[in-house]
Amino acid sequence: MLALKTEAAVTQDTDAVIALKSLLRLTLRVFIADGRIFLGTFAGTDKSLNLLLVNTEEFRLGPSDNPDGRYVGQIMIPWRLVIRTEVQAPGTSTMDQEEDGRMYL
């Protein structure tokens, strides 16, 4: 009997889960330890909290690197490599970002 949970307890999300759900389908810019930057749509995490991005582009900053980046599609980024994450401002489209320079290098 102790193993049974009430329906409210099963469906109630923590603040952290609610925060993650609010990021779904938003554009993220993820900086990782080796200097690469990924720009893609947040699709979720796994149990280990690795980040899943779709429609992703990879950028490397440096004099000999391609400033336009390269398309890498769907990727999983290990949480331990993430240094910083930025979120697209709600209510702006990708076209808006291109025009004012936000979220792009």
PDB file of N, CA and C in Angstrom:
ATOM      1  N   MET A   1       0.808  -1.193   0.000  1.00  0.00           N
ATOM      2  CA  MET A   1       0.000   0.000   0.000  1.00  0.00           C
ATOM      3  C   MET A   1       0.855   1.262   0.000  1.00  0.00           C
ATOM      4  N   LEU A   2       2.017   1.253   0.610  1.00  0.00           N
ATOM      5  CA  LEU A   2       2.858   2.438   0.655  1.00  0.00           C
ATOM      6  C   LEU A   2       3.424   2.786  -0.714  1.00  0.00           C
ATOM      7  N   ALA A   3       3.564   1.783  -1.593  1.00  0.00           N
ATOM      8  CA  ALA A   3       4.136   2.015  -2.908  1.00  0.00           C
ATOM      9  C   ALA A   3       3.177   2.760  -3.834  1.00  0.00           C
ATOM     10  N   LEU A   4       1.898   2.754  -3.536  1.00  0.00           N
ATOM     11  CA  LEU A   4       0.929   3.444  -4.375  1.00  0.00           C
ATOM     12  C   LEU A   4       0.965   4.941  -4.096  1.00  0.00           C
ATOM     13  N   LYS A   5       0.997   5.721  -5.171  1.00  0.00           N
ATOM     14  CA  LYS A   5       1.002   7.171  -5.033  1.00  0.00           C
ATOM     15  C   LYS A   5      -0.340   7.714  -5.505  1.00  0.00           C
ATOM     16  N   THR A   6      -0.724   8.822  -4.960  1.00  0.00           N
ATOM     17  CA  THR A   6      -1.948   9.448  -5.430  1.00  0.00           C
ATOM     18  C   THR A   6      -1.711  10.021  -6.814  1.00  0.00           C
ATOM     19  N   GLU A   7      -2.777  10.190  -7.558  1.00  0.00           N
ATOM     20  CA  GLU A   7      -2.649  10.728  -8.908  1.00  0.00           C
ATOM     21  C   GLU A   7      -2.038  12.126  -8.894  1.00  0.00           C
ATOM     22  N   ALA A   8      -2.369  12.925  -7.914  1.00  0.00           N
ATOM     23  CA  ALA A   8      -1.811  14.280  -7.813  1.00  0.00           C
ATOM     24  C   ALA A   8      -0.306  14.241  -7.607  1.00  0.00           C
ATOM     25  N   ALA A   9       0.181  13.312  -6.805  1.00  0.00           N
ATOM     26  CA  ALA A   9       1.615  13.214  -6.541  1.00  0.00           C
ATOM     27  C   ALA A   9       2.374  12.765  -7.782  1.00  0.00           C
ATOM     28  N   VAL A  10       1.769  11.910  -8.588  1.00  0.00           N
ATOM     29  CA  VAL A  10       2.425  11.406  -9.790  1.00  0.00           C
ATOM     30  C   VAL A  10       2.516  12.493 -10.853  1.00  0.00           C
ATOM     31  N   THR A  11       1.499  13.318 -10.991  1.00  0.00           N
ATOM     32  CA  THR A  11       1.480  14.313 -12.059  1.00  0.00           C
ATOM     33  C   THR A  11       2.059  15.663 -11.650  1.00  0.00           C
ATOM     34  N   GLN A  12       2.335  15.868 -10.388  1.00  0.00           N
ATOM     35  CA  GLN A  12       2.855  17.152  -9.927  1.00  0.00           C
ATOM     36  C   GLN A  12       4.334  17.278 -10.293  1.00  0.00           C
ATOM     37  N   ASP A  13       4.670  18.330 -11.035  1.00  0.00           N
ATOM     38  CA  ASP A  13       6.050  18.566 -11.454  1.00  0.00           C
ATOM     39  C   ASP A  13       6.757  19.469 -10.453  1.00  0.00           C
ATOM     40  N   THR A  14       8.055  19.254 -10.310  1.00  0.00           N
ATOM     41  CA  THR A  14       8.864  20.136  -9.467  1.00  0.00           C
ATOM     42  C   THR A  14       9.130  21.434 -10.225  1.00  0.00           C
ATOM     43  N   ASP A  15       9.644  22.425  -9.534  1.00  0.00           N
ATOM     44  CA  ASP A  15       9.975  23.703 -10.177  1.00  0.00           C
ATOM     45  C   ASP A  15      11.006  23.515 -11.286  1.00  0.00           C
ATOM     46  N   ALA A  16      11.969  22.613 -11.066  1.00  0.00           N
ATOM     47  CA  ALA A  16      13.008  22.364 -12.071  1.00  0.00           C
ATOM     48  C   ALA A  16      12.408  21.759 -13.340  1.00  0.00           C
ATOM     49  N   VAL A  17      11.481  20.823 -13.180  1.00  0.00           N
ATOM     50  CA  VAL A  17      10.837  20.198 -14.340  1.00  0.00           C
ATOM     51  C   VAL A  17       9.994  21.229 -15.087  1.00  0.00           C
ATOM     52  N   ILE A  18       9.296  22.064 -14.367  1.00  0.00           N
ATOM     53  CA  ILE A  18       8.493  23.118 -14.993  1.00  0.00           C
ATOM     54  C   ILE A  18       9.394  24.071 -15.779  1.00  0.00           C
ATOM     55  N   ALA A  19      10.539  24.421 -15.207  1.00  0.00           N
ATOM     56  CA  ALA A  19      11.485  25.308 -15.895  1.00  0.00           C
ATOM     57  C   ALA A  19      12.004  24.661 -17.178  1.00  0.00           C
ATOM     58  N   LEU A  20      12.343  23.370 -17.123  1.00  0.00           N
ATOM     59  CA  LEU A  20      12.813  22.671 -18.320  1.00  0.00           C
ATOM     60  C   LEU A  20      11.723  22.598 -19.378  1.00  0.00           C
ATOM     61  N   LYS A  21      10.498  22.305 -18.967  1.00  0.00           N
ATOM     62  CA  LYS A  21       9.388  22.229 -19.922  1.00  0.00           C
ATOM     63  C   LYS A  21       9.159  23.571 -20.608  1.00  0.00           C
ATOM     64  N   SER A  22       9.404  24.660 -19.901  1.00  0.00           N
ATOM     65  CA  SER A  22       9.205  25.985 -20.495  1.00  0.00           C
ATOM     66  C   SER A  22      10.232  26.273 -21.596  1.00  0.00           C
ATOM     67  N   LEU A  23      11.330  25.533 -21.609  1.00  0.00           N
ATOM     68  CA  LEU A  23      12.370  25.729 -22.622  1.00  0.00           C
ATOM     69  C   LEU A  23      12.147  24.902 -23.883  1.00  0.00           C
ATOM     70  N   LEU A  24      11.239  23.939 -23.831  1.00  0.00           N
ATOM     71  CA  LEU A  24      11.007  23.077 -24.991  1.00  0.00           C
ATOM     72  C   LEU A  24      10.649  23.907 -26.215  1.00  0.00           C
ATOM     73  N   ARG A  25      11.250  23.556 -27.349  1.00  0.00           N
ATOM     74  CA  ARG A  25      11.027  24.198 -28.642  1.00  0.00           C
ATOM     75  C   ARG A  25      11.561  25.628 -28.726  1.00  0.00           C
ATOM     76  N   LEU A  26      12.357  26.044 -27.750  1.00  0.00           N
ATOM     77  CA  LEU A  26      13.012  27.353 -27.832  1.00  0.00           C
ATOM     78  C   LEU A  26      14.432  27.174 -28.359  1.00  0.00           C
ATOM     79  N   THR A  27      14.972  28.226 -28.951  1.00  0.00           N
ATOM     80  CA  THR A  27      16.338  28.187 -29.461  1.00  0.00           C
ATOM     81  C   THR A  27      17.313  28.440 -28.322  1.00  0.00           C
ATOM     82  N   LEU A  28      18.293  27.532 -28.198  1.00  0.00           N
ATOM     83  CA  LEU A  28      19.332  27.661 -27.177  1.00  0.00           C
ATOM     84  C   LEU A  28      20.684  27.841 -27.852  1.00  0.00           C
ATOM     85  N   ARG A  29      21.540  28.588 -27.201  1.00  0.00           N
ATOM     86  CA  ARG A  29      22.954  28.670 -27.582  1.00  0.00           C
ATOM     87  C   ARG A  29      23.715  28.048 -26.428  1.00  0.00           C
ATOM     88  N   VAL A  30      24.442  26.957 -26.705  1.00  0.00           N
ATOM     89  CA  VAL A  30      25.137  26.201 -25.666  1.00  0.00           C
ATOM     90  C   VAL A  30      26.641  26.292 -25.901  1.00  0.00           C
ATOM     91  N   PHE A  31      27.357  26.791 -24.910  1.00  0.00           N
ATOM     92  CA  PHE A  31      28.814  26.897 -24.948  1.00  0.00           C
ATOM     93  C   PHE A  31      29.379  25.689 -24.218  1.00  0.00           C
ATOM     94  N   ILE A  32      30.345  24.980 -24.849  1.00  0.00           N
ATOM     95  CA  ILE A  32      30.925  23.814 -24.180  1.00  0.00           C
ATOM     96  C   ILE A  32      32.418  24.019 -23.936  1.00  0.00           C
ATOM     97  N   ALA A  33      32.983  23.130 -23.129  1.00  0.00           N
ATOM     98  CA  ALA A  33      34.338  23.283 -22.595  1.00  0.00           C
ATOM     99  C   ALA A  33      35.425  23.388 -23.665  1.00  0.00           C
ATOM    100  N   ASP A  34      35.260  22.751 -24.819  1.00  0.00           N
ATOM    101  CA  ASP A  34      36.321  22.795 -25.832  1.00  0.00           C
ATOM    102  C   ASP A  34      36.239  24.025 -26.739  1.00  0.00           C
ATOM    103  N   GLY A  35      35.343  24.958 -26.423  1.00  0.00           N
ATOM    104  CA  GLY A  35      35.254  26.199 -27.174  1.00  0.00           C
ATOM    105  C   GLY A  35      34.192  26.222 -28.256  1.00  0.00           C
ATOM    106  N   ARG A  36      33.557  25.100 -28.525  1.00  0.00           N
ATOM    107  CA  ARG A  36      32.503  25.084 -29.537  1.00  0.00           C
ATOM    108  C   ARG A  36      31.215  25.682 -28.975  1.00  0.00           C
ATOM    109  N   ILE A  37      30.399  26.179 -29.891  1.00  0.00           N
ATOM    110  CA  ILE A  37      29.102  26.750 -29.540  1.00  0.00           C
ATOM    111  C   ILE A  37      28.060  26.076 -30.426  1.00  0.00           C
ATOM    112  N   PHE A  38      26.977  25.612 -29.814  1.00  0.00           N
ATOM    113  CA  PHE A  38      25.896  24.975 -30.554  1.00  0.00           C
ATOM    114  C   PHE A  38      24.654  25.843 -30.464  1.00  0.00           C
ATOM    115  N   LEU A  39      24.007  26.055 -31.605  1.00  0.00           N
ATOM    116  CA  LEU A  39      22.784  26.835 -31.686  1.00  0.00           C
ATOM    117  C   LEU A  39      21.708  25.924 -32.249  1.00  0.00           C
ATOM    118  N   GLY A  40      20.709  25.586 -31.428  1.00  0.00           N
ATOM    119  CA  GLY A  40      19.680  24.661 -31.876  1.00  0.00           C
ATOM    120  C   GLY A  40      18.419  24.748 -31.038  1.00  0.00           C
ATOM    121  N   THR A  41      17.428  23.973 -31.433  1.00  0.00           N
ATOM    122  CA  THR A  41      16.135  23.941 -30.751  1.00  0.00           C
ATOM    123  C   THR A  41      16.172  22.902 -29.642  1.00  0.00           C
ATOM    124  N   PHE A  42      15.823  23.317 -28.429  1.00  0.00           N
ATOM    125  CA  PHE A  42      15.838  22.421 -27.270  1.00  0.00           C
ATOM    126  C   PHE A  42      14.707  21.407 -27.398  1.00  0.00           C
ATOM    127  N   ALA A  43      15.079  20.115 -27.356  1.00  0.00           N
ATOM    128  CA  ALA A  43      14.099  19.037 -27.483  1.00  0.00           C
ATOM    129  C   ALA A  43      13.957  18.242 -26.193  1.00  0.00           C
ATOM    130  N   GLY A  44      14.818  18.489 -25.204  1.00  0.00           N
ATOM    131  CA  GLY A  44      14.688  17.795 -23.927  1.00  0.00           C
ATOM    132  C   GLY A  44      16.026  17.368 -23.359  1.00  0.00           C
ATOM    133  N   THR A  45      15.932  16.556 -22.310  1.00  0.00           N
ATOM    134  CA  THR A  45      17.113  15.985 -21.665  1.00  0.00           C
ATOM    135  C   THR A  45      16.877  14.497 -21.479  1.00  0.00           C
ATOM    136  N   ASP A  46      17.949  13.784 -21.168  1.00  0.00           N
ATOM    137  CA  ASP A  46      17.781  12.388 -20.782  1.00  0.00           C
ATOM    138  C   ASP A  46      17.873  12.310 -19.259  1.00  0.00           C
ATOM    139  N   LYS A  47      17.877  11.095 -18.737  1.00  0.00           N
ATOM    140  CA  LYS A  47      17.898  10.914 -17.287  1.00  0.00           C
ATOM    141  C   LYS A  47      19.156  11.512 -16.653  1.00  0.00           C
ATOM    142  N   SER A  48      20.261  11.516 -17.404  1.00  0.00           N
ATOM    143  CA  SER A  48      21.531  12.063 -16.905  1.00  0.00           C
ATOM    144  C   SER A  48      21.626  13.576 -17.079  1.00  0.00           C
ATOM    145  N   LEU A  49      20.583  14.198 -17.616  1.00  0.00           N
ATOM    146  CA  LEU A  49      20.507  15.642 -17.866  1.00  0.00           C
ATOM    147  C   LEU A  49      21.407  16.125 -19.001  1.00  0.00           C
ATOM    148  N   ASN A  50      21.762  15.226 -19.922  1.00  0.00           N
ATOM    149  CA  ASN A  50      22.426  15.649 -21.145  1.00  0.00           C
ATOM    150  C   ASN A  50      21.398  16.409 -21.977  1.00  0.00           C
ATOM    151  N   LEU A  51      21.838  17.419 -22.718  1.00  0.00           N
ATOM    152  CA  LEU A  51      20.923  18.247 -23.504  1.00  0.00           C
ATOM    153  C   LEU A  51      20.712  17.660 -24.886  1.00  0.00           C
ATOM    154  N   LEU A  52      19.477  17.632 -25.348  1.00  0.00           N
ATOM    155  CA  LEU A  52      19.146  17.192 -26.700  1.00  0.00           C
ATOM    156  C   LEU A  52      18.704  18.410 -27.498  1.00  0.00           C
ATOM    157  N   LEU A  53      19.441  18.692 -28.576  1.00  0.00           N
ATOM    158  CA  LEU A  53      19.106  19.797 -29.473  1.00  0.00           C
ATOM    159  C   LEU A  53      18.830  19.244 -30.863  1.00  0.00           C
ATOM    160  N   VAL A  54      17.879  19.852 -31.570  1.00  0.00           N
ATOM    161  CA  VAL A  54      17.586  19.483 -32.954  1.00  0.00           C
ATOM    162  C   VAL A  54      17.786  20.709 -33.833  1.00  0.00           C
ATOM    163  N   ASN A  55      17.937  20.461 -35.148  1.00  0.00           N
ATOM    164  CA  ASN A  55      18.188  21.544 -36.115  1.00  0.00           C
ATOM    165  C   ASN A  55      19.339  22.428 -35.639  1.00  0.00           C
ATOM    166  N   THR A  56      20.436  21.789 -35.306  1.00  0.00           N
ATOM    167  CA  THR A  56      21.548  22.455 -34.630  1.00  0.00           C
ATOM    168  C   THR A  56      22.671  22.826 -35.594  1.00  0.00           C
ATOM    169  N   GLU A  57      23.275  23.968 -35.333  1.00  0.00           N
ATOM    170  CA  GLU A  57      24.485  24.390 -36.029  1.00  0.00           C
ATOM    171  C   GLU A  57      25.621  24.468 -35.023  1.00  0.00           C
ATOM    172  N   GLU A  58      26.817  24.099 -35.472  1.00  0.00           N
ATOM    173  CA  GLU A  58      28.014  24.136 -34.625  1.00  0.00           C
ATOM    174  C   GLU A  58      28.907  25.274 -35.096  1.00  0.00           C
ATOM    175  N   PHE A  59      29.405  26.047 -34.134  1.00  0.00           N
ATOM    176  CA  PHE A  59      30.314  27.151 -34.440  1.00  0.00           C
ATOM    177  C   PHE A  59      31.600  26.966 -33.654  1.00  0.00           C
ATOM    178  N   ARG A  60      32.717  27.307 -34.298  1.00  0.00           N
ATOM    179  CA  ARG A  60      34.024  27.343 -33.635  1.00  0.00           C
ATOM    180  C   ARG A  60      34.566  28.745 -33.828  1.00  0.00           C
ATOM    181  N   LEU A  61      35.081  29.304 -32.767  1.00  0.00           N
ATOM    182  CA  LEU A  61      35.613  30.656 -32.862  1.00  0.00           C
ATOM    183  C   LEU A  61      37.125  30.602 -32.979  1.00  0.00           C
ATOM    184  N   GLY A  62      37.634  31.209 -34.005  1.00  0.00           N
ATOM    185  CA  GLY A  62      39.073  31.237 -34.215  1.00  0.00           C
ATOM    186  C   GLY A  62      39.373  31.778 -35.596  1.00  0.00           C
ATOM    187  N   PRO A  63      40.610  32.211 -35.829  1.00  0.00           N
ATOM    188  CA  PRO A  63      40.957  32.824 -37.114  1.00  0.00           C
ATOM    189  C   PRO A  63      40.857  31.861 -38.296  1.00  0.00           C
ATOM    190  N   SER A  64      41.106  30.575 -38.085  1.00  0.00           N
ATOM    191  CA  SER A  64      41.074  29.626 -39.198  1.00  0.00           C
ATOM    192  C   SER A  64      39.758  28.860 -39.281  1.00  0.00           C
ATOM    193  N   ASP A  65      38.790  29.191 -38.437  1.00  0.00           N
ATOM    194  CA  ASP A  65      37.524  28.467 -38.416  1.00  0.00           C
ATOM    195  C   ASP A  65      36.479  29.158 -39.280  1.00  0.00           C
ATOM    196  N   ASN A  66      35.515  28.370 -39.760  1.00  0.00           N
ATOM    197  CA  ASN A  66      34.434  28.874 -40.595  1.00  0.00           C
ATOM    198  C   ASN A  66      33.467  29.701 -39.744  1.00  0.00           C
ATOM    199  N   PRO A  67      33.339  30.995 -39.997  1.00  0.00           N
ATOM    200  CA  PRO A  67      32.449  31.828 -39.181  1.00  0.00           C
ATOM    201  C   PRO A  67      30.970  31.519 -39.405  1.00  0.00           C
ATOM    202  N   ASP A  68      30.642  30.825 -40.509  1.00  0.00           N
ATOM    203  CA  ASP A  68      29.251  30.497 -40.805  1.00  0.00           C
ATOM    204  C   ASP A  68      28.779  29.240 -40.087  1.00  0.00           C
ATOM    205  N   GLY A  69      29.683  28.501 -39.481  1.00  0.00           N
ATOM    206  CA  GLY A  69      29.312  27.282 -38.782  1.00  0.00           C
ATOM    207  C   GLY A  69      28.992  26.150 -39.742  1.00  0.00           C
ATOM    208  N   ARG A  70      28.530  25.045 -39.168  1.00  0.00           N
ATOM    209  CA  ARG A  70      28.128  23.905 -39.991  1.00  0.00           C
ATOM    210  C   ARG A  70      26.910  23.259 -39.356  1.00  0.00           C
ATOM    211  N   TYR A  71      26.038  22.730 -40.199  1.00  0.00           N
ATOM    212  CA  TYR A  71      24.821  22.089 -39.732  1.00  0.00           C
ATOM    213  C   TYR A  71      25.165  20.699 -39.205  1.00  0.00           C
ATOM    214  N   VAL A  72      24.746  20.394 -37.977  1.00  0.00           N
ATOM    215  CA  VAL A  72      25.010  19.073 -37.398  1.00  0.00           C
ATOM    216  C   VAL A  72      23.726  18.318 -37.066  1.00  0.00           C
ATOM    217  N   GLY A  73      22.563  18.950 -37.219  1.00  0.00           N
ATOM    218  CA  GLY A  73      21.287  18.262 -37.020  1.00  0.00           C
ATOM    219  C   GLY A  73      20.946  18.038 -35.562  1.00  0.00           C
ATOM    220  N   GLN A  74      20.642  16.777 -35.234  1.00  0.00           N
ATOM    221  CA  GLN A  74      20.265  16.416 -33.861  1.00  0.00           C
ATOM    222  C   GLN A  74      21.502  15.976 -33.094  1.00  0.00           C
ATOM    223  N   ILE A  75      21.700  16.567 -31.911  1.00  0.00           N
ATOM    224  CA  ILE A  75      22.871  16.213 -31.107  1.00  0.00           C
ATOM    225  C   ILE A  75      22.503  16.083 -29.636  1.00  0.00           C
ATOM    226  N   MET A  76      23.308  15.322 -28.934  1.00  0.00           N
ATOM    227  CA  MET A  76      23.200  15.182 -27.481  1.00  0.00           C
ATOM    228  C   MET A  76      24.486  15.763 -26.897  1.00  0.00           C
ATOM    229  N   ILE A  77      24.351  16.738 -26.007  1.00  0.00           N
ATOM    230  CA  ILE A  77      25.516  17.388 -25.401  1.00  0.00           C
ATOM    231  C   ILE A  77      25.624  16.927 -23.955  1.00  0.00           C
ATOM    232  N   PRO A  78      26.729  16.269 -23.586  1.00  0.00           N
ATOM    233  CA  PRO A  78      26.895  15.833 -22.189  1.00  0.00           C
ATOM    234  C   PRO A  78      26.862  17.023 -21.237  1.00  0.00           C
ATOM    235  N   TRP A  79      26.114  16.910 -20.159  1.00  0.00           N
ATOM    236  CA  TRP A  79      25.937  18.016 -19.200  1.00  0.00           C
ATOM    237  C   TRP A  79      27.260  18.493 -18.638  1.00  0.00           C
ATOM    238  N   ARG A  80      28.215  17.582 -18.467  1.00  0.00           N
ATOM    239  CA  ARG A  80      29.480  17.961 -17.828  1.00  0.00           C
ATOM    240  C   ARG A  80      30.351  18.842 -18.726  1.00  0.00           C
ATOM    241  N   LEU A  81      30.031  18.915 -20.022  1.00  0.00           N
ATOM    242  CA  LEU A  81      30.786  19.769 -20.943  1.00  0.00           C
ATOM    243  C   LEU A  81      30.201  21.171 -21.056  1.00  0.00           C
ATOM    244  N   VAL A  82      28.969  21.359 -20.601  1.00  0.00           N
ATOM    245  CA  VAL A  82      28.274  22.640 -20.760  1.00  0.00           C
ATOM    246  C   VAL A  82      28.852  23.678 -19.804  1.00  0.00           C
ATOM    247  N   ILE A  83      29.274  24.796 -20.370  1.00  0.00           N
ATOM    248  CA  ILE A  83      29.797  25.909 -19.578  1.00  0.00           C
ATOM    249  C   ILE A  83      28.705  26.951 -19.349  1.00  0.00           C
ATOM    250  N   ARG A  84      27.963  27.253 -20.420  1.00  0.00           N
ATOM    251  CA  ARG A  84      26.930  28.286 -20.334  1.00  0.00           C
ATOM    252  C   ARG A  84      25.855  28.008 -21.380  1.00  0.00           C
ATOM    253  N   THR A  85      24.631  28.388 -21.066  1.00  0.00           N
ATOM    254  CA  THR A  85      23.516  28.241 -21.995  1.00  0.00           C
ATOM    255  C   THR A  85      22.739  29.547 -22.045  1.00  0.00           C
ATOM    256  N   GLU A  86      22.379  29.967 -23.248  1.00  0.00           N
ATOM    257  CA  GLU A  86      21.567  31.166 -23.434  1.00  0.00           C
ATOM    258  C   GLU A  86      20.285  30.769 -24.145  1.00  0.00           C
ATOM    259  N   VAL A  87      19.199  31.480 -23.839  1.00  0.00           N
ATOM    260  CA  VAL A  87      17.888  31.179 -24.405  1.00  0.00           C
ATOM    261  C   VAL A  87      17.438  32.337 -25.277  1.00  0.00           C
ATOM    262  N   GLN A  88      16.819  32.001 -26.420  1.00  0.00           N
ATOM    263  CA  GLN A  88      16.229  33.016 -27.288  1.00  0.00           C
ATOM    264  C   GLN A  88      15.150  33.764 -26.523  1.00  0.00           C
ATOM    265  N   ALA A  89      15.076  35.055 -26.705  1.00  0.00           N
ATOM    266  CA  ALA A  89      14.042  35.853 -26.049  1.00  0.00           C
ATOM    267  C   ALA A  89      12.670  35.387 -26.517  1.00  0.00           C
ATOM    268  N   PRO A  90      11.747  35.101 -25.582  1.00  0.00           N
ATOM    269  CA  PRO A  90      10.399  34.660 -25.972  1.00  0.00           C
ATOM    270  C   PRO A  90       9.720  35.704 -26.854  1.00  0.00           C
ATOM    271  N   GLY A  91       8.989  35.217 -27.846  1.00  0.00           N
ATOM    272  CA  GLY A  91       8.252  36.123 -28.719  1.00  0.00           C
ATOM    273  C   GLY A  91       9.039  36.622 -29.913  1.00  0.00           C
ATOM    274  N   THR A  92      10.304  36.210 -30.051  1.00  0.00           N
ATOM    275  CA  THR A  92      11.082  36.607 -31.222  1.00  0.00           C
ATOM    276  C   THR A  92      11.267  35.400 -32.113  1.00  0.00           C
ATOM    277  N   SER A  93      11.270  35.628 -33.401  1.00  0.00           N
ATOM    278  CA  SER A  93      11.472  34.536 -34.342  1.00  0.00           C
ATOM    279  C   SER A  93      12.936  34.479 -34.744  1.00  0.00           C
ATOM    280  N   THR A  94      13.306  33.437 -35.454  1.00  0.00           N
ATOM    281  CA  THR A  94      14.678  33.305 -35.935  1.00  0.00           C
ATOM    282  C   THR A  94      15.017  34.458 -36.874  1.00  0.00           C
ATOM    283  N   MET A  95      14.048  34.878 -37.689  1.00  0.00           N
ATOM    284  CA  MET A  95      14.288  35.994 -38.602  1.00  0.00           C
ATOM    285  C   MET A  95      14.568  37.279 -37.824  1.00  0.00           C
ATOM    286  N   ASP A  96      13.840  37.518 -36.728  1.00  0.00           N
ATOM    287  CA  ASP A  96      14.098  38.694 -35.893  1.00  0.00           C
ATOM    288  C   ASP A  96      15.517  38.657 -35.355  1.00  0.00           C
ATOM    289  N   GLN A  97      15.961  37.482 -34.949  1.00  0.00           N
ATOM    290  CA  GLN A  97      17.297  37.341 -34.376  1.00  0.00           C
ATOM    291  C   GLN A  97      18.361  37.650 -35.415  1.00  0.00           C
ATOM    292  N   GLU A  98      18.140  37.203 -36.651  1.00  0.00           N
ATOM    293  CA  GLU A  98      19.121  37.454 -37.695  1.00  0.00           C
ATOM    294  C   GLU A  98      19.248  38.948 -37.962  1.00  0.00           C
ATOM    295  N   GLU A  99      18.134  39.666 -37.913  1.00  0.00           N
ATOM    296  CA  GLU A  99      18.154  41.090 -38.213  1.00  0.00           C
ATOM    297  C   GLU A  99      18.858  41.903 -37.138  1.00  0.00           C
ATOM    298  N   ASP A 100      18.674  41.555 -35.869  1.00  0.00           N
ATOM    299  CA  ASP A 100      19.290  42.368 -34.819  1.00  0.00           C
ATOM    300  C   ASP A 100      20.553  41.745 -34.231  1.00  0.00           C
ATOM    301  N   GLY A 101      20.936  40.546 -34.696  1.00  0.00           N
ATOM    302  CA  GLY A 101      22.200  39.955 -34.289  1.00  0.00           C
ATOM    303  C   GLY A 101      22.168  39.118 -33.030  1.00  0.00           C
ATOM    304  N   ARG A 102      21.055  39.093 -32.315  1.00  0.00           N
ATOM    305  CA  ARG A 102      21.001  38.280 -31.100  1.00  0.00           C
ATOM    306  C   ARG A 102      21.046  36.802 -31.470  1.00  0.00           C
ATOM    307  N   MET A 103      21.650  36.006 -30.645  1.00  0.00           N
ATOM    308  CA  MET A 103      21.737  34.553 -30.757  1.00  0.00           C
ATOM    309  C   MET A 103      22.635  34.082 -31.895  1.00  0.00           C
ATOM    310  N   TYR A 104      23.142  34.970 -32.727  1.00  0.00           N
ATOM    311  CA  TYR A 104      24.051  34.561 -33.784  1.00  0.00           C
ATOM    312  C   TYR A 104      25.404  35.198 -33.554  1.00  0.00           C
ATOM    313  N   LEU A 105      26.424  34.533 -34.027  1.00  0.00           N
ATOM    314  CA  LEU A 105      27.792  34.988 -33.802  1.00  0.00           C
ATOM    315  C   LEU A 105      28.194  36.047 -34.795  1.00  0.00           C
TER     316      LEU A 105
END
